[in-house]
Amino acid sequence: MAHYDLLVIGTGPAGQKAAVQAAKLGKHVGIIERKEMVGGVCIHTGTIPSKSLREAVLARMETVNESSETQAEEDMTATEVRGDSDPSGL
């Protein structure tokens, strides 16, 4: 049977920090995690994935907005070149 100085239940942010600190102090550390991967909800389904998704959406929105602005500028320039007084083309 294995002997541990510390058993950490859960590998979320607090569990990870506790395990690392104890290991740095030379303790024999065991970790108990119910999921197959360590990291806790914060890493896999919570805060970090949510932030990543948010950043991806914001970056995409910025790209679309820049593209729309560029298209609007091109349309305005084309109207000015043709000499149209009504930019809607009516």
C-alpha atoms as a PDB file:
ATOM      1  CA  MET A   1       0.000   0.000   0.000  1.00  0.00           C
ATOM      2  CA  ALA A   2       1.299   3.447  -0.946  1.00  0.00           C
ATOM      3  CA  HIS A   3       2.067   5.997   1.756  1.00  0.00           C
ATOM      4  CA  TYR A   4       1.372   9.675   1.121  1.00  0.00           C
ATOM      5  CA  ASP A   5       2.139  12.706   3.226  1.00  0.00           C
ATOM      6  CA  LEU A   6      -0.766  14.526   1.586  1.00  0.00           C
ATOM      7  CA  LEU A   7      -3.817  13.487  -0.442  1.00  0.00           C
ATOM      8  CA  VAL A   8      -5.356  16.258  -2.508  1.00  0.00           C
ATOM      9  CA  ILE A   9      -8.984  15.839  -3.521  1.00  0.00           C
ATOM     10  CA  GLY A  10      -9.701  17.573  -6.820  1.00  0.00           C
ATOM     11  CA  THR A  11      -7.311  19.164  -9.275  1.00  0.00           C
ATOM     12  CA  GLY A  12      -8.913  22.552  -9.676  1.00  0.00           C
ATOM     13  CA  PRO A  13      -6.839  25.674  -9.033  1.00  0.00           C
ATOM     14  CA  ALA A  14      -6.665  25.147  -5.257  1.00  0.00           C
ATOM     15  CA  GLY A  15      -5.889  21.427  -5.500  1.00  0.00           C
ATOM     16  CA  GLN A  16      -3.153  21.993  -8.058  1.00  0.00           C
ATOM     17  CA  LYS A  17      -1.545  24.714  -5.962  1.00  0.00           C
ATOM     18  CA  ALA A  18      -1.685  22.588  -2.803  1.00  0.00           C
ATOM     19  CA  ALA A  19      -0.127  19.584  -4.550  1.00  0.00           C
ATOM     20  CA  VAL A  20       2.665  21.622  -6.138  1.00  0.00           C
ATOM     21  CA  GLN A  21       3.499  23.435  -2.897  1.00  0.00           C
ATOM     22  CA  ALA A  22       3.624  20.191  -0.927  1.00  0.00           C
ATOM     23  CA  ALA A  23       5.802  18.553  -3.595  1.00  0.00           C
ATOM     24  CA  LYS A  24       8.182  21.532  -3.497  1.00  0.00           C
ATOM     25  CA  LEU A  25       8.492  20.954   0.249  1.00  0.00           C
ATOM     26  CA  GLY A  26       9.515  17.353  -0.432  1.00  0.00           C
ATOM     27  CA  LYS A  27       6.212  15.736   0.512  1.00  0.00           C
ATOM     28  CA  HIS A  28       4.916  12.604  -1.185  1.00  0.00           C
ATOM     29  CA  VAL A  29       1.619  13.787  -2.720  1.00  0.00           C
ATOM     30  CA  GLY A  30      -1.315  11.809  -4.072  1.00  0.00           C
ATOM     31  CA  ILE A  31      -4.152  13.331  -6.079  1.00  0.00           C
ATOM     32  CA  ILE A  32      -7.736  12.111  -6.252  1.00  0.00           C
ATOM     33  CA  GLU A  33      -9.680  13.306  -9.296  1.00  0.00           C
ATOM     34  CA  ARG A  34     -13.043  12.003 -10.478  1.00  0.00           C
ATOM     35  CA  LYS A  35     -12.436  12.925 -14.116  1.00  0.00           C
ATOM     36  CA  GLU A  36      -9.917  11.308 -16.452  1.00  0.00           C
ATOM     37  CA  MET A  37      -7.992  14.552 -16.914  1.00  0.00           C
ATOM     38  CA  VAL A  38      -6.634  16.839 -14.224  1.00  0.00           C
ATOM     39  CA  GLY A  39      -7.534  20.505 -14.152  1.00  0.00           C
ATOM     40  CA  GLY A  40     -11.002  20.754 -12.716  1.00  0.00           C
ATOM     41  CA  VAL A  41     -14.023  22.571 -14.070  1.00  0.00           C
ATOM     42  CA  CYS A  42     -12.085  25.816 -14.463  1.00  0.00           C
ATOM     43  CA  ILE A  43      -9.838  24.278 -17.105  1.00  0.00           C
ATOM     44  CA  HIS A  44     -12.241  21.997 -18.974  1.00  0.00           C
ATOM     45  CA  THR A  45     -15.722  23.515 -18.994  1.00  0.00           C
ATOM     46  CA  GLY A  46     -15.746  26.677 -16.942  1.00  0.00           C
ATOM     47  CA  THR A  47     -13.753  29.858 -16.842  1.00  0.00           C
ATOM     48  CA  ILE A  48     -10.909  29.237 -19.288  1.00  0.00           C
ATOM     49  CA  PRO A  49     -12.954  27.699 -22.134  1.00  0.00           C
ATOM     50  CA  SER A  50     -15.561  30.439 -21.670  1.00  0.00           C
ATOM     51  CA  LYS A  51     -12.886  33.123 -21.896  1.00  0.00           C
ATOM     52  CA  SER A  52     -11.364  31.461 -24.961  1.00  0.00           C
ATOM     53  CA  LEU A  53     -14.747  31.310 -26.684  1.00  0.00           C
ATOM     54  CA  ARG A  54     -15.447  34.947 -25.772  1.00  0.00           C
ATOM     55  CA  GLU A  55     -12.082  36.082 -27.151  1.00  0.00           C
ATOM     56  CA  ALA A  56     -12.628  34.115 -30.379  1.00  0.00           C
ATOM     57  CA  VAL A  57     -16.067  35.684 -30.879  1.00  0.00           C
ATOM     58  CA  LEU A  58     -14.749  39.183 -30.196  1.00  0.00           C
ATOM     59  CA  ALA A  59     -11.868  38.677 -32.628  1.00  0.00           C
ATOM     60  CA  ARG A  60     -14.274  37.434 -35.301  1.00  0.00           C
ATOM     61  CA  MET A  61     -16.627  40.362 -34.715  1.00  0.00           C
ATOM     62  CA  GLU A  62     -13.718  42.772 -35.082  1.00  0.00           C
ATOM     63  CA  THR A  63     -12.694  41.138 -38.361  1.00  0.00           C
ATOM     64  CA  VAL A  64     -16.260  41.315 -39.701  1.00  0.00           C
ATOM     65  CA  ASN A  65     -16.603  44.962 -38.618  1.00  0.00           C
ATOM     66  CA  GLU A  66     -13.317  45.909 -40.284  1.00  0.00           C
ATOM     67  CA  SER A  67     -14.421  44.104 -43.437  1.00  0.00           C
ATOM     68  CA  SER A  68     -17.777  45.938 -43.405  1.00  0.00           C
ATOM     69  CA  GLU A  69     -16.071  49.294 -42.902  1.00  0.00           C
ATOM     70  CA  THR A  70     -13.687  48.593 -45.780  1.00  0.00           C
ATOM     71  CA  GLN A  71     -16.606  47.607 -48.044  1.00  0.00           C
ATOM     72  CA  ALA A  72     -18.527  50.758 -47.076  1.00  0.00           C
ATOM     73  CA  GLU A  73     -15.469  52.895 -47.879  1.00  0.00           C
ATOM     74  CA  GLU A  74     -15.073  51.160 -51.258  1.00  0.00           C
ATOM     75  CA  ASP A  75     -18.774  51.688 -52.040  1.00  0.00           C
ATOM     76  CA  MET A  76     -18.517  55.381 -51.125  1.00  0.00           C
ATOM     77  CA  THR A  77     -15.418  55.810 -53.317  1.00  0.00           C
ATOM     78  CA  ALA A  78     -17.142  54.102 -56.256  1.00  0.00           C
ATOM     79  CA  THR A  79     -20.146  56.423 -55.854  1.00  0.00           C
ATOM     80  CA  GLU A  80     -17.877  59.465 -55.777  1.00  0.00           C
ATOM     81  CA  VAL A  81     -16.037  58.322 -58.919  1.00  0.00           C
ATOM     82  CA  ARG A  82     -19.304  57.808 -60.836  1.00  0.00           C
ATOM     83  CA  GLY A  83     -20.539  61.176 -59.631  1.00  0.00           C
ATOM     84  CA  ASP A  84     -23.774  59.781 -58.275  1.00  0.00           C
ATOM     85  CA  SER A  85     -25.546  62.190 -55.972  1.00  0.00           C
ATOM     86  CA  ASP A  86     -27.559  59.410 -54.319  1.00  0.00           C
ATOM     87  CA  PRO A  87     -25.262  56.785 -52.743  1.00  0.00           C
ATOM     88  CA  SER A  88     -28.111  54.259 -52.632  1.00  0.00           C
ATOM     89  CA  GLY A  89     -28.064  54.054 -56.434  1.00  0.00           C
ATOM     90  CA  LEU A  90     -31.755  54.970 -56.774  1.00  0.00           C
END
